[in-house]
Amino acid sequence: MMITKEMYIGEILRSKPEAAEILMGCGMHCLGCPSSQMESLEDACMVHGLDADEVLEQLNK
């Protein structure tokens, strides 16, 4: 499955559990936070000061 910037963090983790390691490696250590379940990858990257395109590339490798 191809991950997009519009997908929610929770949706990404349910469909690709190994994404947790990548996201945590980028500095997103709050993956279990209730708000992360309804936050898009793009929004999460913005909050954490990350380039969404770079994170997306890592997730889709």
C-alpha atoms as a PDB file:
ATOM      1  CA  MET A   1       0.000   0.000   0.000  1.00  0.00           C
ATOM      2  CA  MET A   2       1.264   3.454  -0.902  1.00  0.00           C
ATOM      3  CA  ILE A   3       1.284   5.967   1.964  1.00  0.00           C
ATOM      4  CA  THR A   4       0.206   9.559   1.279  1.00  0.00           C
ATOM      5  CA  LYS A   5       0.621  12.809   3.233  1.00  0.00           C
ATOM      6  CA  GLU A   6      -3.137  12.966   3.744  1.00  0.00           C
ATOM      7  CA  MET A   7      -3.286   9.638   5.620  1.00  0.00           C
ATOM      8  CA  TYR A   8      -3.737   9.720   9.385  1.00  0.00           C
ATOM      9  CA  ILE A   9      -0.843   8.525  11.538  1.00  0.00           C
ATOM     10  CA  GLY A  10      -3.107   5.895  13.104  1.00  0.00           C
ATOM     11  CA  GLU A  11      -4.119   4.612   9.675  1.00  0.00           C
ATOM     12  CA  ILE A  12      -0.475   4.388   8.604  1.00  0.00           C
ATOM     13  CA  LEU A  13       0.480   2.445  11.733  1.00  0.00           C
ATOM     14  CA  ARG A  14      -2.437   0.014  11.372  1.00  0.00           C
ATOM     15  CA  SER A  15      -1.637  -0.744   7.740  1.00  0.00           C
ATOM     16  CA  LYS A  16       2.155  -0.701   8.064  1.00  0.00           C
ATOM     17  CA  PRO A  17       3.269  -1.310  11.685  1.00  0.00           C
ATOM     18  CA  GLU A  18       6.948  -1.091  10.716  1.00  0.00           C
ATOM     19  CA  ALA A  19       6.345   2.607   9.969  1.00  0.00           C
ATOM     20  CA  ALA A  20       6.538   3.270  13.722  1.00  0.00           C
ATOM     21  CA  GLU A  21      10.304   2.767  13.686  1.00  0.00           C
ATOM     22  CA  ILE A  22      10.703   5.200  10.787  1.00  0.00           C
ATOM     23  CA  LEU A  23       8.453   7.841  12.352  1.00  0.00           C
ATOM     24  CA  MET A  24      10.157   7.568  15.733  1.00  0.00           C
ATOM     25  CA  GLY A  25      13.532   7.820  14.005  1.00  0.00           C
ATOM     26  CA  CYS A  26      12.362  11.120  12.526  1.00  0.00           C
ATOM     27  CA  GLY A  27      11.502  12.461  15.978  1.00  0.00           C
ATOM     28  CA  MET A  28       7.822  11.561  16.270  1.00  0.00           C
ATOM     29  CA  HIS A  29       7.897   9.921  19.678  1.00  0.00           C
ATOM     30  CA  CYS A  30       4.214  10.449  20.486  1.00  0.00           C
ATOM     31  CA  LEU A  31       2.738   7.795  18.194  1.00  0.00           C
ATOM     32  CA  GLY A  32       0.561   6.421  20.982  1.00  0.00           C
ATOM     33  CA  CYS A  33      -0.927   9.832  21.711  1.00  0.00           C
ATOM     34  CA  PRO A  34      -4.701   9.857  21.111  1.00  0.00           C
ATOM     35  CA  SER A  35      -4.456  12.939  18.902  1.00  0.00           C
ATOM     36  CA  SER A  36      -1.992  11.190  16.579  1.00  0.00           C
ATOM     37  CA  GLN A  37      -4.778   8.808  15.568  1.00  0.00           C
ATOM     38  CA  MET A  38      -6.601  11.684  13.848  1.00  0.00           C
ATOM     39  CA  GLU A  39      -3.604  13.696  12.626  1.00  0.00           C
ATOM     40  CA  SER A  40      -2.429  13.487   9.034  1.00  0.00           C
ATOM     41  CA  LEU A  41       1.175  12.724   8.222  1.00  0.00           C
ATOM     42  CA  GLU A  42       1.498  16.195   6.731  1.00  0.00           C
ATOM     43  CA  ASP A  43       0.141  17.858   9.901  1.00  0.00           C
ATOM     44  CA  ALA A  44       2.358  15.740  12.152  1.00  0.00           C
ATOM     45  CA  CYS A  45       5.413  16.662  10.102  1.00  0.00           C
ATOM     46  CA  MET A  46       4.524  20.335  10.311  1.00  0.00           C
ATOM     47  CA  VAL A  47       4.149  20.148  14.109  1.00  0.00           C
ATOM     48  CA  HIS A  48       7.520  18.404  14.422  1.00  0.00           C
ATOM     49  CA  GLY A  49       9.322  20.670  11.947  1.00  0.00           C
ATOM     50  CA  LEU A  50       9.912  17.893   9.434  1.00  0.00           C
ATOM     51  CA  ASP A  51       9.749  17.873   5.652  1.00  0.00           C
ATOM     52  CA  ALA A  52       6.676  15.767   4.857  1.00  0.00           C
ATOM     53  CA  ASP A  53       8.037  14.773   1.442  1.00  0.00           C
ATOM     54  CA  GLU A  54      11.255  13.382   2.993  1.00  0.00           C
ATOM     55  CA  VAL A  55       9.347  11.403   5.633  1.00  0.00           C
ATOM     56  CA  LEU A  56       6.933  10.137   2.992  1.00  0.00           C
ATOM     57  CA  GLU A  57       9.815   8.936   0.850  1.00  0.00           C
ATOM     58  CA  GLN A  58      11.236   6.947   3.785  1.00  0.00           C
ATOM     59  CA  LEU A  59       7.849   5.418   4.566  1.00  0.00           C
ATOM     60  CA  ASN A  60       7.282   4.291   0.981  1.00  0.00           C
ATOM     61  CA  LYS A  61      10.703   2.667   0.467  1.00  0.00           C
END
